[in-house]
Amino acid sequence: MSSDQTPLDKQARAQAKEAERLARRAATSSRVREKIEKQLAQQELERQREALIQRLDIAKLGIQALTRESFGEATKSFLVYLALLERAKKVNPGRLHPSQFDPKKEMVELVLVTGIYWDLARTYDRIRGKEQVREMQAYLNQFVVFSKDSSYKALCAETLRKYLAAEKALHRGDFKAAYKRLGGTTCFIASALLDVSDVETLPRLRAFRDERLAAHPAGRAFIRAYERFSPPIASWLERAPGGLRKAAARLIDLVGWIVSGTACRYGPGGR
């Protein structure tokens, strides 16, 4: 049979064998390549894990220093943490953004970096000086950016509200603006007096609005009218003399106390 093969048949068989050999070689090469790629991916994951542990350790040192009120040491640790995170995300200094994080895989670090921006903003708020004020404003802005579309936005807004209500902020205008950007409330007048009113007033008014007024057509109409006409009054109160603002705050506190009693008496579980 083999003696009857033509040169073309022999050439075809040789080409088939060569094609088979090349296919086996390609398959082997593909398996080797896949193995190498898996090894490289594993090494990259390990490198990222080690970098994360390093960042978390540095952030922990900053938090511990802050607890001891060693603000300089805390600031240094937080700035090193941010620099390492910026390097890991391959962004320029000050250019971190929530869109660079995977919320499912990096939620812990998202919460951490938000808290660090808040601690830096508070720390720089204690220092007077143009450069320090600019730093404070930058960190406060980043705190808002990382908070406003997050699942913990309400907690961040409440943190701002308590900081303002405790009269700790030296640059109250910046912190009040940040609170408004977070959409903490549409109680414009109460927000304008946030730094001079009782700490419980705003939550009381907000609860009365959400639990009582919003439940009825007349109440919803009142809310719409309030949101339309109160911003100019709130703006005027923000610029009013301190004595007048405190008097207005006492009146707002009284309203908050009254509606709180009303909500308890007639709200869910009441009469």
C-alpha atoms as a PDB file:
ATOM      1  CA  MET A   1       0.000   0.000   0.000  1.00  0.00           C
ATOM      2  CA  SER A   2       2.773   2.406   0.961  1.00  0.00           C
ATOM      3  CA  SER A   3       4.522   1.843  -2.379  1.00  0.00           C
ATOM      4  CA  ASP A   4       1.411   3.192  -4.112  1.00  0.00           C
ATOM      5  CA  GLN A   5       1.624   6.570  -2.298  1.00  0.00           C
ATOM      6  CA  THR A   6       2.288   9.517  -4.489  1.00  0.00           C
ATOM      7  CA  PRO A   7       4.654  12.336  -3.513  1.00  0.00           C
ATOM      8  CA  LEU A   8       1.577  14.465  -2.791  1.00  0.00           C
ATOM      9  CA  ASP A   9       0.252  11.819  -0.359  1.00  0.00           C
ATOM     10  CA  LYS A  10       3.575  11.697   1.442  1.00  0.00           C
ATOM     11  CA  GLN A  11       3.676  15.485   1.639  1.00  0.00           C
ATOM     12  CA  ALA A  12       0.134  15.604   3.040  1.00  0.00           C
ATOM     13  CA  ARG A  13       0.992  13.006   5.722  1.00  0.00           C
ATOM     14  CA  ALA A  14       4.121  14.929   6.669  1.00  0.00           C
ATOM     15  CA  GLN A  15       2.143  18.164   6.929  1.00  0.00           C
ATOM     16  CA  ALA A  16      -0.500  16.446   9.082  1.00  0.00           C
ATOM     17  CA  LYS A  17       2.160  15.112  11.440  1.00  0.00           C
ATOM     18  CA  GLU A  18       3.786  18.538  11.654  1.00  0.00           C
ATOM     19  CA  ALA A  19       0.408  20.163  12.342  1.00  0.00           C
ATOM     20  CA  GLU A  20      -0.277  17.600  15.081  1.00  0.00           C
ATOM     21  CA  ARG A  21       3.154  18.245  16.612  1.00  0.00           C
ATOM     22  CA  LEU A  22       2.596  22.011  16.555  1.00  0.00           C
ATOM     23  CA  ALA A  23      -0.870  21.572  18.088  1.00  0.00           C
ATOM     24  CA  ARG A  24       0.589  19.501  20.961  1.00  0.00           C
ATOM     25  CA  ARG A  25       3.299  22.072  21.450  1.00  0.00           C
ATOM     26  CA  ALA A  26       0.750  24.924  21.439  1.00  0.00           C
ATOM     27  CA  ALA A  27      -1.430  23.062  23.959  1.00  0.00           C
ATOM     28  CA  THR A  28       1.586  22.493  26.210  1.00  0.00           C
ATOM     29  CA  SER A  29       2.616  26.126  25.800  1.00  0.00           C
ATOM     30  CA  SER A  30      -0.929  27.284  26.611  1.00  0.00           C
ATOM     31  CA  ARG A  31      -0.996  25.198  29.795  1.00  0.00           C
ATOM     32  CA  VAL A  32       2.381  26.543  30.832  1.00  0.00           C
ATOM     33  CA  ARG A  33       1.235  30.093  30.108  1.00  0.00           C
ATOM     34  CA  GLU A  34      -1.970  29.605  32.116  1.00  0.00           C
ATOM     35  CA  LYS A  35       0.037  28.200  35.010  1.00  0.00           C
ATOM     36  CA  ILE A  36       2.427  31.151  34.916  1.00  0.00           C
ATOM     37  CA  GLU A  37      -0.462  33.619  34.732  1.00  0.00           C
ATOM     38  CA  LYS A  38      -2.116  31.981  37.738  1.00  0.00           C
ATOM     39  CA  GLN A  39       1.146  32.150  39.670  1.00  0.00           C
ATOM     40  CA  LEU A  40       1.570  35.818  38.790  1.00  0.00           C
ATOM     41  CA  ALA A  41      -2.052  36.570  39.753  1.00  0.00           C
ATOM     42  CA  GLN A  42      -1.548  34.787  43.072  1.00  0.00           C
ATOM     43  CA  GLN A  43       1.659  36.731  43.689  1.00  0.00           C
ATOM     44  CA  GLU A  44      -0.167  39.991  42.916  1.00  0.00           C
ATOM     45  CA  LEU A  45      -2.972  39.097  45.324  1.00  0.00           C
ATOM     46  CA  GLU A  46      -0.411  38.297  47.994  1.00  0.00           C
ATOM     47  CA  ARG A  47       1.382  41.575  47.343  1.00  0.00           C
ATOM     48  CA  GLN A  48      -1.892  43.483  47.624  1.00  0.00           C
ATOM     49  CA  ARG A  49      -2.764  41.653  50.839  1.00  0.00           C
ATOM     50  CA  GLU A  50       0.612  42.506  52.380  1.00  0.00           C
ATOM     51  CA  ALA A  51       0.257  46.144  51.277  1.00  0.00           C
ATOM     52  CA  LEU A  52      -3.219  46.277  52.849  1.00  0.00           C
ATOM     53  CA  ILE A  53      -1.907  44.870  56.130  1.00  0.00           C
ATOM     54  CA  GLN A  54       0.878  47.464  56.103  1.00  0.00           C
ATOM     55  CA  ARG A  55      -1.619  50.298  55.517  1.00  0.00           C
ATOM     56  CA  LEU A  56      -3.958  49.021  58.231  1.00  0.00           C
ATOM     57  CA  ASP A  57      -1.099  48.785  60.724  1.00  0.00           C
ATOM     58  CA  ILE A  58      -0.100  52.391  59.990  1.00  0.00           C
ATOM     59  CA  ALA A  59      -3.712  53.582  60.269  1.00  0.00           C
ATOM     60  CA  LYS A  60      -3.996  51.728  63.589  1.00  0.00           C
ATOM     61  CA  LEU A  61      -0.959  53.600  64.904  1.00  0.00           C
ATOM     62  CA  GLY A  62      -2.626  56.879  63.914  1.00  0.00           C
ATOM     63  CA  ILE A  63      -5.877  55.962  65.668  1.00  0.00           C
ATOM     64  CA  GLN A  64      -3.985  54.977  68.818  1.00  0.00           C
ATOM     65  CA  ALA A  65      -2.058  58.261  68.744  1.00  0.00           C
ATOM     66  CA  LEU A  66      -5.314  60.177  68.328  1.00  0.00           C
ATOM     67  CA  THR A  67      -6.745  58.401  71.378  1.00  0.00           C
ATOM     68  CA  ARG A  68      -3.718  59.648  73.357  1.00  0.00           C
ATOM     69  CA  GLU A  69      -4.316  63.137  71.872  1.00  0.00           C
ATOM     70  CA  SER A  70      -0.915  62.957  70.171  1.00  0.00           C
ATOM     71  CA  PHE A  71      -2.246  64.873  67.193  1.00  0.00           C
ATOM     72  CA  GLY A  72       1.093  65.362  65.458  1.00  0.00           C
ATOM     73  CA  GLU A  73       1.898  61.661  65.579  1.00  0.00           C
ATOM     74  CA  ALA A  74      -1.613  60.751  64.461  1.00  0.00           C
ATOM     75  CA  THR A  75      -1.458  63.170  61.537  1.00  0.00           C
ATOM     76  CA  LYS A  76       1.885  61.780  60.412  1.00  0.00           C
ATOM     77  CA  SER A  77       0.565  58.202  60.438  1.00  0.00           C
ATOM     78  CA  PHE A  78      -2.621  59.170  58.593  1.00  0.00           C
ATOM     79  CA  LEU A  79      -0.682  61.029  55.897  1.00  0.00           C
ATOM     80  CA  VAL A  80       1.627  58.038  55.389  1.00  0.00           C
ATOM     81  CA  TYR A  81      -1.454  55.798  55.124  1.00  0.00           C
ATOM     82  CA  LEU A  82      -3.006  58.049  52.473  1.00  0.00           C
ATOM     83  CA  ALA A  83       0.248  58.209  50.508  1.00  0.00           C
ATOM     84  CA  LEU A  84       0.473  54.403  50.448  1.00  0.00           C
ATOM     85  CA  LEU A  85      -3.172  54.114  49.422  1.00  0.00           C
ATOM     86  CA  GLU A  86      -2.688  56.662  46.617  1.00  0.00           C
ATOM     87  CA  ARG A  87       0.311  54.670  45.404  1.00  0.00           C
ATOM     88  CA  ALA A  88      -1.710  51.444  45.489  1.00  0.00           C
ATOM     89  CA  LYS A  89      -4.530  53.083  43.499  1.00  0.00           C
ATOM     90  CA  LYS A  90      -1.992  54.761  41.163  1.00  0.00           C
ATOM     91  CA  VAL A  91      -3.430  58.262  41.616  1.00  0.00           C
ATOM     92  CA  ASN A  92      -1.866  61.626  42.331  1.00  0.00           C
ATOM     93  CA  PRO A  93      -1.851  63.029  45.893  1.00  0.00           C
ATOM     94  CA  GLY A  94      -5.307  64.175  46.958  1.00  0.00           C
ATOM     95  CA  ARG A  95      -7.030  62.389  44.060  1.00  0.00           C
ATOM     96  CA  LEU A  96      -8.541  59.403  45.824  1.00  0.00           C
ATOM     97  CA  HIS A  97     -12.202  58.828  44.925  1.00  0.00           C
ATOM     98  CA  PRO A  98     -14.808  56.220  45.940  1.00  0.00           C
ATOM     99  CA  SER A  99     -15.096  55.081  42.307  1.00  0.00           C
ATOM    100  CA  GLN A 100     -11.581  53.619  42.610  1.00  0.00           C
ATOM    101  CA  PHE A 101     -12.781  51.096  45.205  1.00  0.00           C
ATOM    102  CA  ASP A 102     -14.835  47.909  44.917  1.00  0.00           C
ATOM    103  CA  PRO A 103     -17.568  48.335  47.566  1.00  0.00           C
ATOM    104  CA  LYS A 104     -17.989  44.568  47.918  1.00  0.00           C
ATOM    105  CA  LYS A 105     -14.304  43.771  48.395  1.00  0.00           C
ATOM    106  CA  GLU A 106     -12.979  47.016  49.864  1.00  0.00           C
ATOM    107  CA  MET A 107     -15.744  48.252  52.170  1.00  0.00           C
ATOM    108  CA  VAL A 108     -13.464  48.090  55.213  1.00  0.00           C
ATOM    109  CA  GLU A 109     -10.938  50.395  53.576  1.00  0.00           C
ATOM    110  CA  LEU A 110     -13.669  52.710  52.260  1.00  0.00           C
ATOM    111  CA  VAL A 111     -14.959  53.214  55.803  1.00  0.00           C
ATOM    112  CA  LEU A 112     -11.412  53.566  57.122  1.00  0.00           C
ATOM    113  CA  VAL A 113     -10.323  56.223  54.631  1.00  0.00           C
ATOM    114  CA  THR A 114     -13.552  58.158  55.247  1.00  0.00           C
ATOM    115  CA  GLY A 115     -12.831  58.163  58.974  1.00  0.00           C
ATOM    116  CA  ILE A 116      -9.236  59.228  58.421  1.00  0.00           C
ATOM    117  CA  TYR A 117     -10.323  62.190  56.294  1.00  0.00           C
ATOM    118  CA  TRP A 118     -12.693  63.153  59.118  1.00  0.00           C
ATOM    119  CA  ASP A 119      -9.965  62.888  61.770  1.00  0.00           C
ATOM    120  CA  LEU A 120      -7.583  64.962  59.633  1.00  0.00           C
ATOM    121  CA  ALA A 121     -10.269  67.613  59.076  1.00  0.00           C
ATOM    122  CA  ARG A 122     -10.909  67.835  62.826  1.00  0.00           C
ATOM    123  CA  THR A 123      -7.199  67.952  63.611  1.00  0.00           C
ATOM    124  CA  TYR A 124      -6.483  70.754  61.135  1.00  0.00           C
ATOM    125  CA  ASP A 125      -9.583  72.594  62.360  1.00  0.00           C
ATOM    126  CA  ARG A 126      -7.695  73.154  65.636  1.00  0.00           C
ATOM    127  CA  ILE A 127      -4.831  74.940  63.893  1.00  0.00           C
ATOM    128  CA  ARG A 128      -4.938  78.557  62.777  1.00  0.00           C
ATOM    129  CA  GLY A 129      -3.121  79.549  59.617  1.00  0.00           C
ATOM    130  CA  LYS A 130      -4.011  79.922  55.939  1.00  0.00           C
ATOM    131  CA  GLU A 131      -2.172  76.795  54.816  1.00  0.00           C
ATOM    132  CA  GLN A 132      -3.694  74.715  57.615  1.00  0.00           C
ATOM    133  CA  VAL A 133      -7.174  76.007  56.783  1.00  0.00           C
ATOM    134  CA  ARG A 134      -6.700  74.958  53.155  1.00  0.00           C
ATOM    135  CA  GLU A 135      -5.591  71.498  54.331  1.00  0.00           C
ATOM    136  CA  MET A 136      -8.625  71.266  56.609  1.00  0.00           C
ATOM    137  CA  GLN A 137     -10.961  72.233  53.784  1.00  0.00           C
ATOM    138  CA  ALA A 138      -9.382  69.656  51.456  1.00  0.00           C
ATOM    139  CA  TYR A 139      -9.755  66.838  53.984  1.00  0.00           C
ATOM    140  CA  LEU A 140     -13.293  67.902  54.872  1.00  0.00           C
ATOM    141  CA  ASN A 141     -14.202  67.910  51.184  1.00  0.00           C
ATOM    142  CA  GLN A 142     -12.800  64.395  50.797  1.00  0.00           C
ATOM    143  CA  PHE A 143     -14.808  63.295  53.836  1.00  0.00           C
ATOM    144  CA  VAL A 144     -17.978  64.525  52.128  1.00  0.00           C
ATOM    145  CA  VAL A 145     -17.011  62.947  48.783  1.00  0.00           C
ATOM    146  CA  PHE A 146     -16.479  59.543  50.420  1.00  0.00           C
ATOM    147  CA  SER A 147     -19.651  59.879  52.524  1.00  0.00           C
ATOM    148  CA  LYS A 148     -22.363  61.315  50.294  1.00  0.00           C
ATOM    149  CA  ASP A 149     -23.116  58.233  48.158  1.00  0.00           C
ATOM    150  CA  SER A 150     -22.197  55.625  50.757  1.00  0.00           C
ATOM    151  CA  SER A 151     -24.318  53.266  52.817  1.00  0.00           C
ATOM    152  CA  TYR A 152     -23.040  55.045  55.942  1.00  0.00           C
ATOM    153  CA  LYS A 153     -23.940  58.562  54.784  1.00  0.00           C
ATOM    154  CA  ALA A 154     -26.476  59.096  57.593  1.00  0.00           C
ATOM    155  CA  LEU A 155     -23.852  58.196  60.201  1.00  0.00           C
ATOM    156  CA  CYS A 156     -21.390  60.683  58.695  1.00  0.00           C
ATOM    157  CA  ALA A 157     -24.020  63.431  58.648  1.00  0.00           C
ATOM    158  CA  GLU A 158     -24.828  62.716  62.284  1.00  0.00           C
ATOM    159  CA  THR A 159     -21.119  62.878  63.155  1.00  0.00           C
ATOM    160  CA  LEU A 160     -20.948  66.331  61.587  1.00  0.00           C
ATOM    161  CA  ARG A 161     -24.110  67.446  63.365  1.00  0.00           C
ATOM    162  CA  LYS A 162     -22.781  66.398  66.775  1.00  0.00           C
ATOM    163  CA  TYR A 163     -19.433  68.093  66.127  1.00  0.00           C
ATOM    164  CA  LEU A 164     -21.218  71.335  65.290  1.00  0.00           C
ATOM    165  CA  ALA A 165     -23.690  71.055  68.143  1.00  0.00           C
ATOM    166  CA  ALA A 166     -20.871  70.538  70.640  1.00  0.00           C
ATOM    167  CA  GLU A 167     -19.401  73.880  69.494  1.00  0.00           C
ATOM    168  CA  LYS A 168     -16.026  72.247  68.820  1.00  0.00           C
ATOM    169  CA  ALA A 169     -15.605  73.560  65.273  1.00  0.00           C
ATOM    170  CA  LEU A 170     -13.409  76.627  64.925  1.00  0.00           C
ATOM    171  CA  HIS A 171     -14.343  76.950  61.247  1.00  0.00           C
ATOM    172  CA  ARG A 172     -18.066  76.452  61.692  1.00  0.00           C
ATOM    173  CA  GLY A 173     -18.973  77.778  58.260  1.00  0.00           C
ATOM    174  CA  ASP A 174     -16.959  75.056  56.532  1.00  0.00           C
ATOM    175  CA  PHE A 175     -18.382  72.285  58.685  1.00  0.00           C
ATOM    176  CA  LYS A 176     -21.964  73.542  58.327  1.00  0.00           C
ATOM    177  CA  ALA A 177     -21.509  73.673  54.547  1.00  0.00           C
ATOM    178  CA  ALA A 178     -20.224  70.091  54.630  1.00  0.00           C
ATOM    179  CA  TYR A 179     -23.259  69.042  56.661  1.00  0.00           C
ATOM    180  CA  LYS A 180     -25.597  70.618  54.122  1.00  0.00           C
ATOM    181  CA  ARG A 181     -23.765  68.894  51.256  1.00  0.00           C
ATOM    182  CA  LEU A 182     -24.473  65.581  52.941  1.00  0.00           C
ATOM    183  CA  GLY A 183     -28.151  66.485  52.926  1.00  0.00           C
ATOM    184  CA  GLY A 184     -28.395  65.894  56.648  1.00  0.00           C
ATOM    185  CA  THR A 185     -31.794  67.547  56.829  1.00  0.00           C
ATOM    186  CA  THR A 186     -34.197  69.966  55.154  1.00  0.00           C
ATOM    187  CA  CYS A 187     -34.888  71.624  58.532  1.00  0.00           C
ATOM    188  CA  PHE A 188     -33.242  74.783  57.224  1.00  0.00           C
ATOM    189  CA  ILE A 189     -33.906  77.048  60.200  1.00  0.00           C
ATOM    190  CA  ALA A 190     -32.874  74.428  62.745  1.00  0.00           C
ATOM    191  CA  SER A 191     -29.729  73.733  60.694  1.00  0.00           C
ATOM    192  CA  ALA A 192     -28.869  77.440  60.633  1.00  0.00           C
ATOM    193  CA  LEU A 193     -28.959  77.409  64.450  1.00  0.00           C
ATOM    194  CA  LEU A 194     -27.272  74.038  64.791  1.00  0.00           C
ATOM    195  CA  ASP A 195     -24.251  75.382  66.645  1.00  0.00           C
ATOM    196  CA  VAL A 196     -26.298  77.269  69.275  1.00  0.00           C
ATOM    197  CA  SER A 197     -29.349  75.032  69.753  1.00  0.00           C
ATOM    198  CA  ASP A 198     -29.825  71.963  71.929  1.00  0.00           C
ATOM    199  CA  VAL A 199     -28.250  68.791  70.544  1.00  0.00           C
ATOM    200  CA  GLU A 200     -31.639  67.008  70.626  1.00  0.00           C
ATOM    201  CA  THR A 201     -33.657  69.712  68.855  1.00  0.00           C
ATOM    202  CA  LEU A 202     -32.866  68.784  65.269  1.00  0.00           C
ATOM    203  CA  PRO A 203     -33.537  65.041  65.722  1.00  0.00           C
ATOM    204  CA  ARG A 204     -36.836  65.886  67.463  1.00  0.00           C
ATOM    205  CA  LEU A 205     -37.976  68.157  64.643  1.00  0.00           C
ATOM    206  CA  ARG A 206     -36.868  65.675  62.026  1.00  0.00           C
ATOM    207  CA  ALA A 207     -38.729  62.834  63.758  1.00  0.00           C
ATOM    208  CA  PHE A 208     -41.889  64.949  64.020  1.00  0.00           C
ATOM    209  CA  ARG A 209     -41.653  65.807  60.312  1.00  0.00           C
ATOM    210  CA  ASP A 210     -41.081  62.218  59.187  1.00  0.00           C
ATOM    211  CA  GLU A 211     -43.398  60.430  61.604  1.00  0.00           C
ATOM    212  CA  ARG A 212     -46.276  62.886  61.937  1.00  0.00           C
ATOM    213  CA  LEU A 213     -46.409  65.593  59.269  1.00  0.00           C
ATOM    214  CA  ALA A 214     -45.401  63.388  56.331  1.00  0.00           C
ATOM    215  CA  ALA A 215     -48.176  60.931  57.204  1.00  0.00           C
ATOM    216  CA  HIS A 216     -51.003  63.344  56.280  1.00  0.00           C
ATOM    217  CA  PRO A 217     -51.820  65.484  53.209  1.00  0.00           C
ATOM    218  CA  ALA A 218     -51.989  68.697  55.252  1.00  0.00           C
ATOM    219  CA  GLY A 219     -48.679  67.884  56.884  1.00  0.00           C
ATOM    220  CA  ARG A 220     -47.021  67.220  53.535  1.00  0.00           C
ATOM    221  CA  ALA A 221     -48.362  70.542  52.257  1.00  0.00           C
ATOM    222  CA  PHE A 222     -46.840  72.266  55.288  1.00  0.00           C
ATOM    223  CA  ILE A 223     -43.486  70.574  54.611  1.00  0.00           C
ATOM    224  CA  ARG A 224     -43.508  71.792  50.998  1.00  0.00           C
ATOM    225  CA  ALA A 225     -44.336  75.344  52.097  1.00  0.00           C
ATOM    226  CA  TYR A 226     -41.623  75.256  54.752  1.00  0.00           C
ATOM    227  CA  GLU A 227     -39.000  74.027  52.278  1.00  0.00           C
ATOM    228  CA  ARG A 228     -39.991  76.807  49.897  1.00  0.00           C
ATOM    229  CA  PHE A 229     -40.082  79.795  52.268  1.00  0.00           C
ATOM    230  CA  SER A 230     -37.657  78.934  55.097  1.00  0.00           C
ATOM    231  CA  PRO A 231     -34.257  79.080  53.290  1.00  0.00           C
ATOM    232  CA  PRO A 232     -34.170  82.931  53.221  1.00  0.00           C
ATOM    233  CA  ILE A 233     -35.002  83.022  56.940  1.00  0.00           C
ATOM    234  CA  ALA A 234     -32.272  80.463  57.635  1.00  0.00           C
ATOM    235  CA  SER A 235     -29.790  82.483  55.590  1.00  0.00           C
ATOM    236  CA  TRP A 236     -30.648  85.625  57.568  1.00  0.00           C
ATOM    237  CA  LEU A 237     -30.296  83.772  60.892  1.00  0.00           C
ATOM    238  CA  GLU A 238     -26.842  82.512  59.932  1.00  0.00           C
ATOM    239  CA  ARG A 239     -25.667  86.125  59.582  1.00  0.00           C
ATOM    240  CA  ALA A 240     -27.593  87.480  62.593  1.00  0.00           C
ATOM    241  CA  PRO A 241     -25.830  88.716  65.767  1.00  0.00           C
ATOM    242  CA  GLY A 242     -24.935  86.071  68.319  1.00  0.00           C
ATOM    243  CA  GLY A 243     -27.503  87.191  70.899  1.00  0.00           C
ATOM    244  CA  LEU A 244     -30.346  87.057  68.393  1.00  0.00           C
ATOM    245  CA  ARG A 245     -29.240  83.640  67.139  1.00  0.00           C
ATOM    246  CA  LYS A 246     -29.208  82.268  70.688  1.00  0.00           C
ATOM    247  CA  ALA A 247     -32.689  83.681  71.366  1.00  0.00           C
ATOM    248  CA  ALA A 248     -33.970  82.080  68.158  1.00  0.00           C
ATOM    249  CA  ALA A 249     -32.286  78.826  69.155  1.00  0.00           C
ATOM    250  CA  ARG A 250     -34.097  78.817  72.520  1.00  0.00           C
ATOM    251  CA  LEU A 251     -37.398  79.238  70.651  1.00  0.00           C
ATOM    252  CA  ILE A 252     -36.528  76.394  68.290  1.00  0.00           C
ATOM    253  CA  ASP A 253     -35.542  74.246  71.290  1.00  0.00           C
ATOM    254  CA  LEU A 254     -38.958  74.920  72.810  1.00  0.00           C
ATOM    255  CA  VAL A 255     -40.721  73.933  69.575  1.00  0.00           C
ATOM    256  CA  GLY A 256     -38.623  70.784  69.416  1.00  0.00           C
ATOM    257  CA  TRP A 257     -39.532  69.894  73.010  1.00  0.00           C
ATOM    258  CA  ILE A 258     -43.246  70.499  72.357  1.00  0.00           C
ATOM    259  CA  VAL A 259     -43.444  68.442  69.146  1.00  0.00           C
ATOM    260  CA  SER A 260     -41.403  65.700  70.787  1.00  0.00           C
ATOM    261  CA  GLY A 261     -44.059  65.429  73.468  1.00  0.00           C
ATOM    262  CA  THR A 262     -46.762  65.479  70.803  1.00  0.00           C
ATOM    263  CA  ALA A 263     -45.049  62.745  68.836  1.00  0.00           C
ATOM    264  CA  CYS A 264     -44.744  60.566  71.932  1.00  0.00           C
ATOM    265  CA  ARG A 265     -48.385  61.160  72.871  1.00  0.00           C
ATOM    266  CA  TYR A 266     -49.970  60.612  69.469  1.00  0.00           C
ATOM    267  CA  GLY A 267     -47.357  58.694  67.503  1.00  0.00           C
ATOM    268  CA  PRO A 268     -47.032  54.924  67.124  1.00  0.00           C
ATOM    269  CA  GLY A 269     -47.767  53.254  70.422  1.00  0.00           C
ATOM    270  CA  GLY A 270     -49.400  56.429  71.799  1.00  0.00           C
ATOM    271  CA  ARG A 271     -53.057  57.141  72.402  1.00  0.00           C
END
